[in-house]
């Protein structure tokens, strides 16, 4: 089932978040892969403890927590940071 959550962020909030993420230092995605998936995983990602990662997680988590549509559709007990 696909659930569309329109306007989770304001246009300005999305632009601000995008600018922060574009300017952030990204690392090889294999820093978090296991030995078995290292050959298949080809991506870049933010370091888990980077300031930009924490800021982006907070923005997305706040938007999800403020969305009645998300909360009623997902019925989350716990929301793990994206």
PDB file of N, CA and C in Angstrom:
ATOM      1  N   UNK A   1       0.836  -1.173   0.000  1.00  0.00           N
ATOM      2  CA  UNK A   1       0.000   0.000   0.000  1.00  0.00           C
ATOM      3  C   UNK A   1       0.884   1.240   0.000  1.00  0.00           C
ATOM      4  N   UNK A   2       0.572   2.148  -0.885  1.00  0.00           N
ATOM      5  CA  UNK A   2       1.312   3.400  -0.989  1.00  0.00           C
ATOM      6  C   UNK A   2       0.550   4.494  -0.263  1.00  0.00           C
ATOM      7  N   UNK A   3       1.239   5.186   0.598  1.00  0.00           N
ATOM      8  CA  UNK A   3       0.637   6.306   1.313  1.00  0.00           C
ATOM      9  C   UNK A   3       1.384   7.570   0.919  1.00  0.00           C
ATOM     10  N   UNK A   4       0.665   8.508   0.365  1.00  0.00           N
ATOM     11  CA  UNK A   4       1.282   9.767  -0.045  1.00  0.00           C
ATOM     12  C   UNK A   4       1.068  10.784   1.062  1.00  0.00           C
ATOM     13  N   UNK A   5       2.149  11.419   1.460  1.00  0.00           N
ATOM     14  CA  UNK A   5       2.109  12.423   2.518  1.00  0.00           C
ATOM     15  C   UNK A   5       2.511  13.766   1.923  1.00  0.00           C
ATOM     16  N   UNK A   6       1.562  14.466   1.318  1.00  0.00           N
ATOM     17  CA  UNK A   6       1.902  15.732   0.670  1.00  0.00           C
ATOM     18  C   UNK A   6       2.261  16.823   1.680  1.00  0.00           C
ATOM     19  N   UNK A   7       3.122  17.708   1.240  1.00  0.00           N
ATOM     20  CA  UNK A   7       3.469  18.896   2.020  1.00  0.00           C
ATOM     21  C   UNK A   7       3.964  18.579   3.425  1.00  0.00           C
ATOM     22  N   UNK A   8       4.780  17.544   3.542  1.00  0.00           N
ATOM     23  CA  UNK A   8       5.339  17.210   4.856  1.00  0.00           C
ATOM     24  C   UNK A   8       6.234  18.329   5.362  1.00  0.00           C
ATOM     25  N   UNK A   9       6.927  18.961   4.434  1.00  0.00           N
ATOM     26  CA  UNK A   9       7.770  20.105   4.772  1.00  0.00           C
ATOM     27  C   UNK A   9       7.320  21.287   3.925  1.00  0.00           C
ATOM     28  N   UNK A  10       7.462  22.456   4.478  1.00  0.00           N
ATOM     29  CA  UNK A  10       7.194  23.637   3.663  1.00  0.00           C
ATOM     30  C   UNK A  10       8.256  23.704   2.568  1.00  0.00           C
ATOM     31  N   UNK A  11       7.977  24.459   1.523  1.00  0.00           N
ATOM     32  CA  UNK A  11       8.950  24.593   0.442  1.00  0.00           C
ATOM     33  C   UNK A  11      10.279  25.119   0.979  1.00  0.00           C
ATOM     34  N   UNK A  12      10.214  26.137   1.844  1.00  0.00           N
ATOM     35  CA  UNK A  12      11.442  26.717   2.374  1.00  0.00           C
ATOM     36  C   UNK A  12      12.195  25.731   3.258  1.00  0.00           C
ATOM     37  N   UNK A  13      11.476  24.970   4.077  1.00  0.00           N
ATOM     38  CA  UNK A  13      12.136  23.972   4.927  1.00  0.00           C
ATOM     39  C   UNK A  13      12.817  22.906   4.077  1.00  0.00           C
ATOM     40  N   UNK A  14      12.173  22.483   2.991  1.00  0.00           N
ATOM     41  CA  UNK A  14      12.764  21.491   2.098  1.00  0.00           C
ATOM     42  C   UNK A  14      14.006  22.054   1.406  1.00  0.00           C
ATOM     43  N   UNK A  15      13.933  23.302   0.963  1.00  0.00           N
ATOM     44  CA  UNK A  15      15.087  23.936   0.318  1.00  0.00           C
ATOM     45  C   UNK A  15      16.250  24.085   1.293  1.00  0.00           C
ATOM     46  N   UNK A  16      15.948  24.485   2.519  1.00  0.00           N
ATOM     47  CA  UNK A  16      16.991  24.627   3.545  1.00  0.00           C
ATOM     48  C   UNK A  16      17.656  23.285   3.846  1.00  0.00           C
ATOM     49  N   UNK A  17      16.838  22.253   3.987  1.00  0.00           N
ATOM     50  CA  UNK A  17      17.362  20.923   4.273  1.00  0.00           C
ATOM     51  C   UNK A  17      18.218  20.440   3.109  1.00  0.00           C
ATOM     52  N   UNK A  18      17.745  20.647   1.892  1.00  0.00           N
ATOM     53  CA  UNK A  18      18.502  20.233   0.717  1.00  0.00           C
ATOM     54  C   UNK A  18      19.852  20.945   0.660  1.00  0.00           C
ATOM     55  N   UNK A  19      19.863  22.233   0.923  1.00  0.00           N
ATOM     56  CA  UNK A  19      21.117  22.995   0.888  1.00  0.00           C
ATOM     57  C   UNK A  19      22.108  22.448   1.916  1.00  0.00           C
ATOM     58  N   UNK A  20      21.630  22.125   3.096  1.00  0.00           N
ATOM     59  CA  UNK A  20      22.510  21.568   4.136  1.00  0.00           C
ATOM     60  C   UNK A  20      23.081  20.226   3.712  1.00  0.00           C
ATOM     61  N   UNK A  21      22.219  19.403   3.107  1.00  0.00           N
ATOM     62  CA  UNK A  21      22.662  18.067   2.704  1.00  0.00           C
ATOM     63  C   UNK A  21      23.631  18.116   1.532  1.00  0.00           C
ATOM     64  N   UNK A  22      23.389  19.015   0.593  1.00  0.00           N
ATOM     65  CA  UNK A  22      24.300  19.154  -0.553  1.00  0.00           C
ATOM     66  C   UNK A  22      25.680  19.599  -0.087  1.00  0.00           C
ATOM     67  N   UNK A  23      25.728  20.475   0.904  1.00  0.00           N
ATOM     68  CA  UNK A  23      27.001  21.007   1.395  1.00  0.00           C
ATOM     69  C   UNK A  23      27.720  20.061   2.360  1.00  0.00           C
ATOM     70  N   UNK A  24      27.038  19.027   2.813  1.00  0.00           N
ATOM     71  CA  UNK A  24      27.605  18.132   3.827  1.00  0.00           C
ATOM     72  C   UNK A  24      28.697  17.238   3.244  1.00  0.00           C
ATOM     73  N   UNK A  25      29.511  16.708   4.125  1.00  0.00           N
ATOM     74  CA  UNK A  25      30.561  15.761   3.745  1.00  0.00           C
ATOM     75  C   UNK A  25      29.959  14.354   3.719  1.00  0.00           C
ATOM     76  N   UNK A  26      29.945  13.732   2.560  1.00  0.00           N
ATOM     77  CA  UNK A  26      29.400  12.389   2.380  1.00  0.00           C
ATOM     78  C   UNK A  26      30.553  11.390   2.335  1.00  0.00           C
ATOM     79  N   UNK A  27      30.289  10.173   2.806  1.00  0.00           N
ATOM     80  CA  UNK A  27      31.318   9.132   2.841  1.00  0.00           C
ATOM     81  C   UNK A  27      30.858   7.900   2.069  1.00  0.00           C
ATOM     82  N   UNK A  28      31.775   6.996   1.820  1.00  0.00           N
ATOM     83  CA  UNK A  28      31.470   5.724   1.166  1.00  0.00           C
ATOM     84  C   UNK A  28      30.446   4.968   2.008  1.00  0.00           C
ATOM     85  N   UNK A  29      29.397   4.478   1.365  1.00  0.00           N
ATOM     86  CA  UNK A  29      28.348   3.759   2.073  1.00  0.00           C
ATOM     87  C   UNK A  29      28.803   2.470   2.718  1.00  0.00           C
ATOM     88  N   UNK A  30      29.947   1.974   2.320  1.00  0.00           N
ATOM     89  CA  UNK A  30      30.434   0.730   2.910  1.00  0.00           C
ATOM     90  C   UNK A  30      30.912   0.889   4.349  1.00  0.00           C
ATOM     91  N   UNK A  31      30.934   2.102   4.862  1.00  0.00           N
ATOM     92  CA  UNK A  31      31.310   2.262   6.275  1.00  0.00           C
ATOM     93  C   UNK A  31      30.296   1.592   7.187  1.00  0.00           C
ATOM     94  N   UNK A  32      29.074   1.365   6.696  1.00  0.00           N
ATOM     95  CA  UNK A  32      28.052   0.707   7.516  1.00  0.00           C
ATOM     96  C   UNK A  32      27.610  -0.632   6.946  1.00  0.00           C
ATOM     97  N   UNK A  33      28.272  -1.107   5.894  1.00  0.00           N
ATOM     98  CA  UNK A  33      27.856  -2.395   5.321  1.00  0.00           C
ATOM     99  C   UNK A  33      28.611  -3.534   5.979  1.00  0.00           C
ATOM    100  N   UNK A  34      27.978  -4.667   5.957  1.00  0.00           N
ATOM    101  CA  UNK A  34      28.649  -5.864   6.430  1.00  0.00           C
ATOM    102  C   UNK A  34      29.539  -6.415   5.332  1.00  0.00           C
ATOM    103  N   UNK A  35      30.336  -7.389   5.680  1.00  0.00           N
ATOM    104  CA  UNK A  35      31.276  -7.965   4.725  1.00  0.00           C
ATOM    105  C   UNK A  35      30.558  -8.543   3.501  1.00  0.00           C
ATOM    106  N   UNK A  36      29.420  -9.164   3.724  1.00  0.00           N
ATOM    107  CA  UNK A  36      28.683  -9.796   2.638  1.00  0.00           C
ATOM    108  C   UNK A  36      28.070  -8.817   1.658  1.00  0.00           C
ATOM    109  N   UNK A  37      27.709  -7.635   2.121  1.00  0.00           N
ATOM    110  CA  UNK A  37      27.054  -6.680   1.228  1.00  0.00           C
ATOM    111  C   UNK A  37      28.007  -5.621   0.683  1.00  0.00           C
ATOM    112  N   UNK A  38      29.248  -5.663   1.075  1.00  0.00           N
ATOM    113  CA  UNK A  38      30.209  -4.634   0.659  1.00  0.00           C
ATOM    114  C   UNK A  38      30.381  -4.554  -0.852  1.00  0.00           C
ATOM    115  N   UNK A  39      30.297  -5.680  -1.537  1.00  0.00           N
ATOM    116  CA  UNK A  39      30.471  -5.667  -2.987  1.00  0.00           C
ATOM    117  C   UNK A  39      29.231  -5.135  -3.701  1.00  0.00           C
ATOM    118  N   UNK A  40      28.073  -5.303  -3.092  1.00  0.00           N
ATOM    119  CA  UNK A  40      26.822  -4.881  -3.730  1.00  0.00           C
ATOM    120  C   UNK A  40      26.450  -3.445  -3.379  1.00  0.00           C
ATOM    121  N   UNK A  41      26.946  -2.945  -2.282  1.00  0.00           N
ATOM    122  CA  UNK A  41      26.553  -1.615  -1.817  1.00  0.00           C
ATOM    123  C   UNK A  41      27.453  -0.563  -2.460  1.00  0.00           C
ATOM    124  N   UNK A  42      26.863   0.239  -3.311  1.00  0.00           N
ATOM    125  CA  UNK A  42      27.612   1.283  -4.004  1.00  0.00           C
ATOM    126  C   UNK A  42      26.848   2.595  -3.812  1.00  0.00           C
ATOM    127  N   UNK A  43      27.150   3.300  -2.762  1.00  0.00           N
ATOM    128  CA  UNK A  43      26.461   4.552  -2.479  1.00  0.00           C
ATOM    129  C   UNK A  43      27.320   5.463  -1.620  1.00  0.00           C
ATOM    130  N   UNK A  44      26.862   6.674  -1.464  1.00  0.00           N
ATOM    131  CA  UNK A  44      27.476   7.638  -0.563  1.00  0.00           C
ATOM    132  C   UNK A  44      26.429   7.907   0.523  1.00  0.00           C
ATOM    133  N   UNK A  45      26.869   8.218   1.712  1.00  0.00           N
ATOM    134  CA  UNK A  45      25.949   8.512   2.801  1.00  0.00           C
ATOM    135  C   UNK A  45      26.596   9.479   3.777  1.00  0.00           C
ATOM    136  N   UNK A  46      25.760  10.102   4.563  1.00  0.00           N
ATOM    137  CA  UNK A  46      26.276  10.966   5.611  1.00  0.00           C
ATOM    138  C   UNK A  46      26.771  10.103   6.755  1.00  0.00           C
ATOM    139  N   UNK A  47      27.847  10.499   7.396  1.00  0.00           N
ATOM    140  CA  UNK A  47      28.274   9.769   8.594  1.00  0.00           C
ATOM    141  C   UNK A  47      27.156   9.796   9.634  1.00  0.00           C
ATOM    142  N   UNK A  48      26.954   8.689  10.315  1.00  0.00           N
ATOM    143  CA  UNK A  48      25.851   8.578  11.269  1.00  0.00           C
ATOM    144  C   UNK A  48      25.909   9.619  12.375  1.00  0.00           C
ATOM    145  N   UNK A  49      27.108  10.049  12.752  1.00  0.00           N
ATOM    146  CA  UNK A  49      27.250  10.987  13.860  1.00  0.00           C
ATOM    147  C   UNK A  49      27.483  12.435  13.400  1.00  0.00           C
ATOM    148  N   UNK A  50      27.330  12.689  12.104  1.00  0.00           N
ATOM    149  CA  UNK A  50      27.557  14.042  11.587  1.00  0.00           C
ATOM    150  C   UNK A  50      26.441  14.989  12.023  1.00  0.00           C
ATOM    151  N   UNK A  51      26.795  16.235  12.217  1.00  0.00           N
ATOM    152  CA  UNK A  51      25.839  17.256  12.624  1.00  0.00           C
ATOM    153  C   UNK A  51      24.701  17.374  11.601  1.00  0.00           C
ATOM    154  N   UNK A  52      25.033  17.291  10.315  1.00  0.00           N
ATOM    155  CA  UNK A  52      24.021  17.389   9.267  1.00  0.00           C
ATOM    156  C   UNK A  52      23.053  16.212   9.323  1.00  0.00           C
ATOM    157  N   UNK A  53      23.569  15.022   9.649  1.00  0.00           N
ATOM    158  CA  UNK A  53      22.722  13.836   9.765  1.00  0.00           C
ATOM    159  C   UNK A  53      21.700  14.041  10.874  1.00  0.00           C
ATOM    160  N   UNK A  54      22.167  14.483  12.027  1.00  0.00           N
ATOM    161  CA  UNK A  54      21.272  14.698  13.170  1.00  0.00           C
ATOM    162  C   UNK A  54      20.235  15.763  12.860  1.00  0.00           C
ATOM    163  N   UNK A  55      20.643  16.837  12.211  1.00  0.00           N
ATOM    164  CA  UNK A  55      19.712  17.913  11.868  1.00  0.00           C
ATOM    165  C   UNK A  55      18.654  17.422  10.896  1.00  0.00           C
ATOM    166  N   UNK A  56      19.063  16.667   9.876  1.00  0.00           N
ATOM    167  CA  UNK A  56      18.107  16.141   8.895  1.00  0.00           C
ATOM    168  C   UNK A  56      17.143  15.162   9.554  1.00  0.00           C
ATOM    169  N   UNK A  57      17.653  14.311  10.415  1.00  0.00           N
ATOM    170  CA  UNK A  57      16.791  13.366  11.122  1.00  0.00           C
ATOM    171  C   UNK A  57      15.745  14.096  11.959  1.00  0.00           C
ATOM    172  N   UNK A  58      16.159  15.157  12.641  1.00  0.00           N
ATOM    173  CA  UNK A  58      15.232  15.907  13.479  1.00  0.00           C
ATOM    174  C   UNK A  58      14.126  16.556  12.648  1.00  0.00           C
ATOM    175  N   UNK A  59      14.494  17.108  11.501  1.00  0.00           N
ATOM    176  CA  UNK A  59      13.506  17.754  10.628  1.00  0.00           C
ATOM    177  C   UNK A  59      12.490  16.729  10.135  1.00  0.00           C
ATOM    178  N   UNK A  60      12.984  15.591   9.644  1.00  0.00           N
ATOM    179  CA  UNK A  60      12.090  14.565   9.100  1.00  0.00           C
ATOM    180  C   UNK A  60      11.243  13.942  10.214  1.00  0.00           C
ATOM    181  N   UNK A  61      11.852  13.650  11.342  1.00  0.00           N
ATOM    182  CA  UNK A  61      11.100  13.053  12.456  1.00  0.00           C
ATOM    183  C   UNK A  61      10.001  13.990  12.955  1.00  0.00           C
ATOM    184  N   UNK A  62      10.295  15.277  13.057  1.00  0.00           N
ATOM    185  CA  UNK A  62       9.287  16.245  13.497  1.00  0.00           C
ATOM    186  C   UNK A  62       8.129  16.306  12.501  1.00  0.00           C
ATOM    187  N   UNK A  63       8.454  16.274  11.212  1.00  0.00           N
ATOM    188  CA  UNK A  63       7.404  16.312  10.191  1.00  0.00           C
ATOM    189  C   UNK A  63       6.536  15.061  10.259  1.00  0.00           C
ATOM    190  N   UNK A  64       7.137  13.903  10.440  1.00  0.00           N
ATOM    191  CA  UNK A  64       6.355  12.671  10.558  1.00  0.00           C
ATOM    192  C   UNK A  64       5.488  12.681  11.808  1.00  0.00           C
ATOM    193  N   UNK A  65       6.055  13.110  12.920  1.00  0.00           N
ATOM    194  CA  UNK A  65       5.312  13.138  14.181  1.00  0.00           C
ATOM    195  C   UNK A  65       4.147  14.118  14.142  1.00  0.00           C
ATOM    196  N   UNK A  66       4.233  15.138  13.283  1.00  0.00           N
ATOM    197  CA  UNK A  66       3.173  16.142  13.192  1.00  0.00           C
ATOM    198  C   UNK A  66       2.136  15.788  12.131  1.00  0.00           C
ATOM    199  N   UNK A  67       2.289  14.650  11.497  1.00  0.00           N
ATOM    200  CA  UNK A  67       1.382  14.268  10.420  1.00  0.00           C
ATOM    201  C   UNK A  67       0.328  13.274  10.894  1.00  0.00           C
ATOM    202  N   UNK A  68      -0.922  13.731  11.064  1.00  0.00           N
ATOM    203  CA  UNK A  68      -1.977  12.799  11.471  1.00  0.00           C
ATOM    204  C   UNK A  68      -2.152  11.667  10.461  1.00  0.00           C
ATOM    205  N   UNK A  69      -1.966  11.967   9.187  1.00  0.00           N
ATOM    206  CA  UNK A  69      -2.120  10.941   8.158  1.00  0.00           C
ATOM    207  C   UNK A  69      -1.069   9.844   8.320  1.00  0.00           C
ATOM    208  N   UNK A  70       0.172  10.234   8.556  1.00  0.00           N
ATOM    209  CA  UNK A  70       1.232   9.244   8.766  1.00  0.00           C
ATOM    210  C   UNK A  70       0.943   8.428  10.021  1.00  0.00           C
ATOM    211  N   UNK A  71       0.629   9.102  11.103  1.00  0.00           N
ATOM    212  CA  UNK A  71       0.412   8.409  12.371  1.00  0.00           C
ATOM    213  C   UNK A  71      -0.753   7.435  12.304  1.00  0.00           C
ATOM    214  N   UNK A  72      -1.840   7.821  11.637  1.00  0.00           N
ATOM    215  CA  UNK A  72      -2.985   6.920  11.563  1.00  0.00           C
ATOM    216  C   UNK A  72      -2.746   5.779  10.582  1.00  0.00           C
ATOM    217  N   UNK A  73      -1.972   6.020   9.531  1.00  0.00           N
ATOM    218  CA  UNK A  73      -1.707   4.965   8.548  1.00  0.00           C
ATOM    219  C   UNK A  73      -0.662   3.976   9.050  1.00  0.00           C
ATOM    220  N   UNK A  74       0.378   4.477   9.684  1.00  0.00           N
ATOM    221  CA  UNK A  74       1.482   3.617  10.104  1.00  0.00           C
ATOM    222  C   UNK A  74       1.288   3.043  11.506  1.00  0.00           C
ATOM    223  N   UNK A  75       0.562   3.740  12.360  1.00  0.00           N
ATOM    224  CA  UNK A  75       0.399   3.349  13.745  1.00  0.00           C
ATOM    225  C   UNK A  75       1.726   2.966  14.386  1.00  0.00           C
ATOM    226  N   UNK A  76       2.709   3.870  14.294  1.00  0.00           N
ATOM    227  CA  UNK A  76       4.046   3.508  14.781  1.00  0.00           C
ATOM    228  C   UNK A  76       4.137   3.472  16.293  1.00  0.00           C
ATOM    229  N   UNK A  77       4.756   2.432  16.798  1.00  0.00           N
ATOM    230  CA  UNK A  77       5.079   2.366  18.215  1.00  0.00           C
ATOM    231  C   UNK A  77       6.351   3.169  18.452  1.00  0.00           C
ATOM    232  N   UNK A  78       7.285   2.970  17.548  1.00  0.00           N
ATOM    233  CA  UNK A  78       8.564   3.681  17.597  1.00  0.00           C
ATOM    234  C   UNK A  78       8.911   4.100  16.173  1.00  0.00           C
ATOM    235  N   UNK A  79       9.425   5.298  16.024  1.00  0.00           N
ATOM    236  CA  UNK A  79       9.900   5.751  14.722  1.00  0.00           C
ATOM    237  C   UNK A  79      11.410   5.868  14.814  1.00  0.00           C
ATOM    238  N   UNK A  80      12.098   5.088  13.999  1.00  0.00           N
ATOM    239  CA  UNK A  80      13.549   5.135  13.996  1.00  0.00           C
ATOM    240  C   UNK A  80      13.992   6.243  13.034  1.00  0.00           C
ATOM    241  N   UNK A  81      15.024   6.973  13.381  1.00  0.00           N
ATOM    242  CA  UNK A  81      15.476   8.071  12.505  1.00  0.00           C
ATOM    243  C   UNK A  81      15.835   7.573  11.119  1.00  0.00           C
ATOM    244  N   UNK A  82      15.433   8.323  10.125  1.00  0.00           N
ATOM    245  CA  UNK A  82      15.772   7.943   8.747  1.00  0.00           C
ATOM    246  C   UNK A  82      17.252   8.132   8.470  1.00  0.00           C
TER     247      UNK A  82
END
